[in-house]
N, C-alpha and C. Protein backbone atom coordinates (compact mmCIF):
# COMPACT_ATOMS: atom_id res chain seq x y z
N MET A 1 6.86 25.67 1.33
CA MET A 1 5.66 25.22 1.36
C MET A 1 6.28 23.57 2.12
N LYS A 2 5.43 23.71 3.69
CA LYS A 2 5.49 22.27 4.26
C LYS A 2 4.75 20.78 3.93
N LYS A 3 5.23 20.18 3.60
CA LYS A 3 4.18 18.58 3.08
C LYS A 3 4.02 17.99 4.32
N ILE A 4 3.01 17.95 4.42
CA ILE A 4 2.08 17.56 6.04
C ILE A 4 2.23 15.06 5.18
N TYR A 5 2.23 15.01 6.31
CA TYR A 5 2.52 13.21 5.78
C TYR A 5 1.77 11.97 7.27
N HIS A 6 2.91 12.79 8.23
CA HIS A 6 2.09 11.80 9.36
C HIS A 6 1.55 10.20 8.82
N LYS A 7 3.06 9.53 8.22
CA LYS A 7 2.75 7.94 8.23
C LYS A 7 4.42 7.41 9.19
N LEU A 8 3.73 6.29 8.40
CA LEU A 8 5.29 5.57 8.96
C LEU A 8 6.00 5.60 7.85
N ILE A 9 7.16 5.22 7.91
CA ILE A 9 8.29 5.72 7.11
C ILE A 9 9.89 4.89 7.25
N ARG A 10 10.30 4.47 6.44
CA ARG A 10 11.84 3.80 5.82
C ARG A 10 12.45 4.35 7.42
N ASP A 11 13.64 3.17 7.80
CA ASP A 11 14.96 3.77 8.27
C ASP A 11 15.53 5.10 7.44
N LYS A 12 15.99 4.74 6.33
CA LYS A 12 16.91 5.62 5.98
C LYS A 12 15.90 6.97 4.84
N ILE A 13 15.07 6.88 5.57
CA ILE A 13 14.03 7.95 4.66
C ILE A 13 14.57 9.43 4.78
N PRO A 14 14.89 9.57 6.46
CA PRO A 14 14.97 11.21 6.89
C PRO A 14 15.78 11.10 5.89
N GLU A 15 17.77 10.60 5.81
CA GLU A 15 18.59 10.74 4.62
C GLU A 15 18.11 11.03 4.03
N ILE A 16 17.31 10.63 2.94
CA ILE A 16 17.00 10.70 1.89
C ILE A 16 16.64 12.11 1.65
N ILE A 17 15.50 12.49 2.27
CA ILE A 17 15.28 14.37 2.62
C ILE A 17 15.65 15.11 2.63
N ILE A 18 16.96 14.51 3.44
CA ILE A 18 17.87 15.74 4.05
C ILE A 18 19.16 16.26 2.67
N GLY A 19 19.08 14.56 1.91
CA GLY A 19 20.22 14.74 0.44
C GLY A 19 19.28 15.15 -0.10
N ALA A 20 17.57 15.83 -0.53
CA ALA A 20 16.87 16.38 -1.76
C ALA A 20 17.12 17.92 -0.92
N GLY A 21 17.72 18.09 -0.02
CA GLY A 21 17.80 20.06 0.47
C GLY A 21 16.26 19.94 1.52
N GLU A 22 15.83 19.32 2.06
CA GLU A 22 14.80 19.30 2.76
C GLU A 22 15.37 18.99 4.53
N THR A 23 14.18 19.55 4.99
CA THR A 23 14.55 18.92 6.52
C THR A 23 13.21 18.08 7.46
N PRO A 24 13.63 17.03 7.71
CA PRO A 24 12.55 16.73 8.17
C PRO A 24 12.20 16.00 9.55
N LYS A 25 10.79 16.28 9.97
CA LYS A 25 10.30 16.56 11.60
C LYS A 25 10.06 15.07 12.26
N ILE A 26 10.49 14.88 12.27
CA ILE A 26 10.12 13.11 12.94
C ILE A 26 10.35 12.99 14.36
N ARG A 27 10.18 11.80 14.58
CA ARG A 27 9.51 11.42 16.29
C ARG A 27 9.48 9.36 16.31
N LYS A 28 9.79 9.01 17.28
CA LYS A 28 10.13 7.87 17.13
C LYS A 28 9.04 7.59 17.83
N LEU A 29 7.99 6.42 17.30
CA LEU A 29 6.65 6.07 18.01
C LEU A 29 7.05 4.88 18.79
N GLY A 30 6.24 5.01 19.80
CA GLY A 30 5.90 3.33 21.02
C GLY A 30 5.65 2.65 19.99
N GLN A 31 5.79 1.30 20.94
CA GLN A 31 5.55 -0.22 20.77
C GLN A 31 3.59 0.25 20.25
N LYS A 32 3.25 0.34 20.36
CA LYS A 32 1.81 0.05 20.59
C LYS A 32 1.25 1.10 19.62
N GLU A 33 1.33 2.20 19.36
CA GLU A 33 1.95 3.26 18.25
C GLU A 33 2.36 2.55 17.00
N PHE A 34 3.16 2.19 17.41
CA PHE A 34 3.92 1.41 15.98
C PHE A 34 3.17 0.47 15.05
N ARG A 35 2.50 -0.65 16.00
CA ARG A 35 1.69 -1.68 16.11
C ARG A 35 -0.17 -1.10 14.56
N ILE A 36 0.27 -0.15 15.89
CA ILE A 36 -1.75 1.00 14.79
C ILE A 36 -0.69 1.57 13.58
N GLU A 37 0.38 1.64 13.40
CA GLU A 37 0.67 2.34 11.93
C GLU A 37 1.36 1.66 10.96
N LEU A 38 1.93 0.43 11.30
CA LEU A 38 2.57 -0.78 10.99
C LEU A 38 1.05 -1.15 9.94
N LYS A 39 -0.49 -1.26 10.62
CA LYS A 39 -1.63 -1.72 9.89
C LYS A 39 -1.96 -0.88 8.98
N LYS A 40 -1.93 0.55 9.43
CA LYS A 40 -2.33 1.73 8.35
C LYS A 40 -1.06 1.75 6.94
N LYS A 41 -0.22 1.81 7.69
CA LYS A 41 0.88 1.30 6.27
C LYS A 41 0.66 0.48 4.65
N VAL A 42 0.30 -0.84 6.14
CA VAL A 42 -0.31 -1.48 5.00
C VAL A 42 -1.69 -1.83 4.22
N LEU A 43 -2.14 -0.48 4.87
CA LEU A 43 -3.37 -0.60 3.98
C LEU A 43 -2.53 0.14 2.77
N GLU A 44 -1.52 1.69 3.16
CA GLU A 44 -1.73 2.55 1.76
C GLU A 44 -0.27 1.27 1.11
N GLU A 45 0.15 0.53 1.32
CA GLU A 45 1.22 0.08 0.35
C GLU A 45 -0.01 -0.72 -0.54
N ALA A 46 -1.11 -2.08 0.15
CA ALA A 46 -1.76 -2.07 -0.98
C ALA A 46 -2.41 -1.43 -1.84
N LYS A 47 -2.88 -0.12 -1.35
CA LYS A 47 -3.55 0.86 -2.14
C LYS A 47 -2.60 1.05 -3.37
N GLU A 48 -2.04 1.14 -3.43
CA GLU A 48 -0.67 1.63 -3.81
C GLU A 48 -0.48 0.41 -4.95
N LEU A 49 -0.24 -0.87 -4.36
CA LEU A 49 -0.52 -2.34 -5.44
C LEU A 49 -1.75 -2.02 -6.58
N ILE A 50 -2.54 -1.93 -6.15
CA ILE A 50 -3.69 -1.84 -6.83
C ILE A 50 -3.69 -0.51 -7.88
N LYS A 51 -2.47 0.26 -7.90
CA LYS A 51 -2.28 1.65 -8.52
C LYS A 51 -1.54 0.45 -9.53
N ALA A 52 -0.74 -0.16 -8.97
CA ALA A 52 0.75 -1.00 -9.89
C ALA A 52 0.48 -1.46 -11.40
N LYS A 53 0.86 -0.52 -12.51
CA LYS A 53 0.63 -1.71 -13.40
C LYS A 53 1.74 -2.89 -14.27
N SER A 54 2.86 -2.14 -14.10
CA SER A 54 4.24 -2.53 -14.73
C SER A 54 4.39 -3.92 -13.67
N LYS A 55 4.86 -4.86 -14.14
CA LYS A 55 5.72 -5.82 -13.50
C LYS A 55 6.85 -5.48 -12.12
N ASP A 56 7.34 -4.11 -12.61
CA ASP A 56 9.13 -4.05 -11.58
C ASP A 56 7.16 -2.90 -10.25
N GLU A 57 6.80 -2.52 -11.05
CA GLU A 57 5.94 -1.63 -10.22
C GLU A 57 5.31 -2.57 -8.62
N ILE A 58 4.36 -3.94 -9.69
CA ILE A 58 3.73 -4.70 -9.00
C ILE A 58 4.68 -5.37 -7.87
N LEU A 59 6.50 -5.68 -8.27
CA LEU A 59 6.97 -6.22 -7.16
C LEU A 59 7.62 -5.36 -6.16
N ASN A 60 7.35 -3.93 -6.54
CA ASN A 60 8.06 -2.96 -5.45
C ASN A 60 6.84 -2.82 -4.59
N GLU A 61 5.91 -3.16 -4.92
CA GLU A 61 4.79 -2.78 -4.21
C GLU A 61 4.49 -4.21 -3.17
N MET A 62 4.66 -5.18 -3.72
CA MET A 62 4.65 -6.60 -3.19
C MET A 62 5.86 -6.35 -1.70
N VAL A 63 6.93 -6.55 -2.19
CA VAL A 63 8.46 -6.36 -1.15
C VAL A 63 8.01 -5.39 -0.09
N ASP A 64 7.30 -4.09 -0.64
CA ASP A 64 7.01 -3.16 1.16
C ASP A 64 5.88 -3.97 1.46
N LEU A 65 4.49 -4.69 1.28
CA LEU A 65 4.03 -4.99 2.07
C LEU A 65 4.05 -6.31 2.48
N CYS A 66 5.58 -7.42 2.01
CA CYS A 66 6.30 -8.55 2.66
C CYS A 66 6.88 -7.96 3.60
N GLU A 67 7.47 -6.73 3.73
CA GLU A 67 8.39 -6.23 4.54
C GLU A 67 7.17 -6.02 6.14
N LEU A 68 6.19 -4.92 5.57
CA LEU A 68 5.46 -4.59 6.61
C LEU A 68 4.57 -5.94 6.94
N LEU A 69 4.21 -6.79 6.83
CA LEU A 69 4.11 -8.53 6.69
C LEU A 69 5.16 -9.03 8.45
N ASP A 70 6.30 -9.34 7.82
CA ASP A 70 7.22 -9.19 8.43
C ASP A 70 7.55 -8.28 10.56
N PHE A 71 7.67 -7.45 9.63
CA PHE A 71 7.43 -6.63 10.66
C PHE A 71 6.40 -7.02 11.84
N LEU A 72 5.38 -6.47 10.91
CA LEU A 72 3.75 -7.19 12.20
C LEU A 72 3.59 -8.71 12.93
N GLY A 73 4.31 -9.49 11.96
CA GLY A 73 4.92 -11.10 13.00
C GLY A 73 5.86 -10.37 13.86
N ARG A 74 6.86 -9.81 13.38
CA ARG A 74 7.69 -10.49 15.13
C ARG A 74 6.68 -8.96 16.18
N GLU A 75 5.64 -8.09 15.79
CA GLU A 75 5.03 -7.14 16.86
C GLU A 75 4.68 -7.85 17.80
N PHE A 76 4.03 -9.62 16.84
CA PHE A 76 2.68 -9.69 17.81
C PHE A 76 3.52 -11.54 17.63
N ARG A 77 4.60 -11.88 17.86
CA ARG A 77 4.98 -12.76 17.59
C ARG A 77 3.95 -14.39 16.87
N ILE A 78 3.93 -13.96 15.29
CA ILE A 78 3.61 -14.51 14.72
C ILE A 78 4.81 -14.97 13.93
N ASN A 79 4.95 -16.12 13.84
CA ASN A 79 6.60 -16.71 12.91
C ASN A 79 5.55 -17.55 11.88
N SER A 80 6.89 -17.84 10.88
CA SER A 80 6.39 -18.50 9.25
C SER A 80 5.49 -19.81 9.42
N ARG A 81 5.91 -20.46 10.46
CA ARG A 81 5.08 -21.79 10.74
C ARG A 81 3.94 -21.68 11.15
N MET A 82 3.30 -20.70 12.49
CA MET A 82 2.05 -20.28 12.56
C MET A 82 1.33 -19.77 11.45
N ILE A 83 2.01 -18.91 10.30
CA ILE A 83 1.18 -18.25 9.09
C ILE A 83 1.48 -19.86 8.14
N LYS A 84 1.83 -20.76 8.16
CA LYS A 84 1.70 -21.98 6.93
C LYS A 84 0.91 -22.51 7.65
N THR A 85 0.18 -22.75 8.61
CA THR A 85 -0.10 -23.58 9.70
C THR A 85 -1.57 -23.34 9.32
N GLN A 86 -2.10 -21.68 9.70
CA GLN A 86 -2.90 -21.14 9.36
C GLN A 86 -3.40 -21.28 8.11
N LYS A 87 -2.73 -21.18 6.85
CA LYS A 87 -3.06 -20.84 5.54
C LYS A 87 -3.40 -22.35 5.01
N LEU A 88 -2.97 -23.27 5.74
CA LEU A 88 -3.18 -24.65 5.27
C LEU A 88 -4.70 -24.65 6.26
N LYS A 89 -4.68 -24.71 6.74
CA LYS A 89 -5.86 -24.35 7.58
C LYS A 89 -7.28 -23.86 6.53
N LYS A 90 -6.82 -22.85 6.70
CA LYS A 90 -7.86 -22.00 6.10
C LYS A 90 -8.64 -22.34 4.39
N ASN A 91 -6.91 -22.62 3.87
CA ASN A 91 -7.40 -23.44 2.43
C ASN A 91 -8.30 -24.54 2.55
N LYS A 92 -8.10 -25.56 3.17
CA LYS A 92 -8.58 -26.31 3.25
C LYS A 92 -10.28 -26.36 3.93
N GLU A 93 -10.53 -25.02 4.92
CA GLU A 93 -11.88 -24.79 5.17
C GLU A 93 -12.68 -24.35 4.33
N ARG A 94 -12.37 -22.83 3.37
CA ARG A 94 -12.25 -22.10 2.49
C ARG A 94 -11.86 -22.18 0.74
N GLY A 95 -11.19 -22.52 1.00
CA GLY A 95 -10.27 -22.68 -0.88
C GLY A 95 -9.43 -21.88 -0.81
N SER A 96 -8.60 -21.72 -1.75
CA SER A 96 -7.79 -21.13 -1.91
C SER A 96 -8.17 -19.90 -3.21
N PHE A 97 -7.72 -19.30 -4.25
CA PHE A 97 -7.78 -18.35 -5.20
C PHE A 97 -7.62 -18.57 -6.20
N THR A 98 -7.59 -20.30 -6.59
CA THR A 98 -7.28 -20.99 -7.43
C THR A 98 -8.23 -21.32 -9.04
N LYS A 99 -9.35 -21.06 -8.43
CA LYS A 99 -10.56 -21.18 -9.30
C LYS A 99 -10.74 -19.81 -9.68
N LYS A 100 -10.56 -18.44 -9.45
CA LYS A 100 -10.11 -17.47 -9.53
C LYS A 100 -12.23 -16.29 -9.68
N LEU A 101 -12.84 -17.22 -8.59
CA LEU A 101 -13.84 -16.73 -8.49
C LEU A 101 -14.16 -15.63 -8.20
N PHE A 102 -15.79 -14.87 -8.62
CA PHE A 102 -15.53 -13.32 -8.02
C PHE A 102 -17.41 -13.57 -7.51
N LEU A 103 -17.19 -13.21 -6.63
CA LEU A 103 -19.13 -13.54 -5.92
C LEU A 103 -20.16 -11.82 -6.28
N ILE A 104 -20.75 -12.28 -6.82
CA ILE A 104 -22.09 -10.78 -7.48
C ILE A 104 -22.29 -10.87 -6.68
N GLU A 105 -23.35 -11.48 -6.51
CA GLU A 105 -24.50 -10.94 -5.02
C GLU A 105 -24.99 -12.80 -4.76
N THR A 106 -26.04 -12.61 -3.63
CA THR A 106 -26.40 -14.10 -2.88
C THR A 106 -28.00 -13.12 -2.63
N ASP A 107 -28.81 -14.33 -2.54
CA ASP A 107 -30.20 -14.06 -2.80
C ASP A 107 -30.54 -14.49 -0.98
N PRO A 108 -31.10 -13.71 -0.41
CA PRO A 108 -31.60 -14.77 0.81
C PRO A 108 -32.27 -15.32 1.41
N SER A 109 -33.23 -15.12 0.02
CA SER A 109 -34.26 -16.22 -0.51
C SER A 109 -33.58 -17.71 0.02
N GLY A 110 -32.98 -17.38 -0.74
CA GLY A 110 -32.39 -18.88 -1.15
C GLY A 110 -33.22 -19.77 -1.91
N LEU A 111 -33.72 -19.51 -2.86
CA LEU A 111 -34.95 -19.78 -3.80
C LEU A 111 -34.31 -20.17 -4.77
N GLY A 112 -33.98 -18.98 -5.35
CA GLY A 112 -33.05 -19.15 -7.20
C GLY A 112 -32.17 -19.98 -6.85
N PRO A 113 -32.48 -20.40 -8.49
CA PRO A 113 -30.91 -21.39 -9.08
C PRO A 113 -29.86 -21.06 -8.53
N ALA A 114 -28.95 -21.33 -8.37
CA ALA A 114 -27.75 -21.41 -8.58
C ALA A 114 -27.48 -20.99 -9.76
N GLU A 115 -27.08 -19.24 -10.29
CA GLU A 115 -26.02 -19.19 -11.61
C GLU A 115 -24.91 -18.89 -10.92
N THR A 116 -24.25 -20.07 -11.59
CA THR A 116 -22.79 -20.33 -11.61
C THR A 116 -22.19 -20.43 -13.03
N GLU A 117 -20.71 -19.86 -13.47
CA GLU A 117 -20.10 -19.74 -14.65
C GLU A 117 -18.96 -20.76 -14.15
N ILE A 118 -18.80 -21.05 -13.56
CA ILE A 118 -17.53 -22.11 -12.97
C ILE A 118 -17.29 -22.97 -14.14
N LYS A 119 -15.85 -22.60 -14.10
CA LYS A 119 -15.20 -24.10 -15.42
C LYS A 119 -13.55 -24.21 -14.61
């Protein structure tokens, strides 16, 4: 029975599929389609990261995400210096995640007292 995937795969996956006794049907993507599929793959791997439980599983998903982000950087000519500069700018303007804050709701009237449990 055929399994339908329609997703971006790593370069050696066809060999692995053949080694498992199956026949893959693949095609090479053009640049525009590749960029779209890279973004979709980031979401796929992020969902897998959410499901990951062990340190090894988390590491594996982080590696996949890093690999995809590296390729996105190459495709859009975004280098590590640009990322670091933007990260510092964003941290200065909006903060980081060190306080571990979780937004519950906002009151559009602005009349209620601020309910915070920040320690």
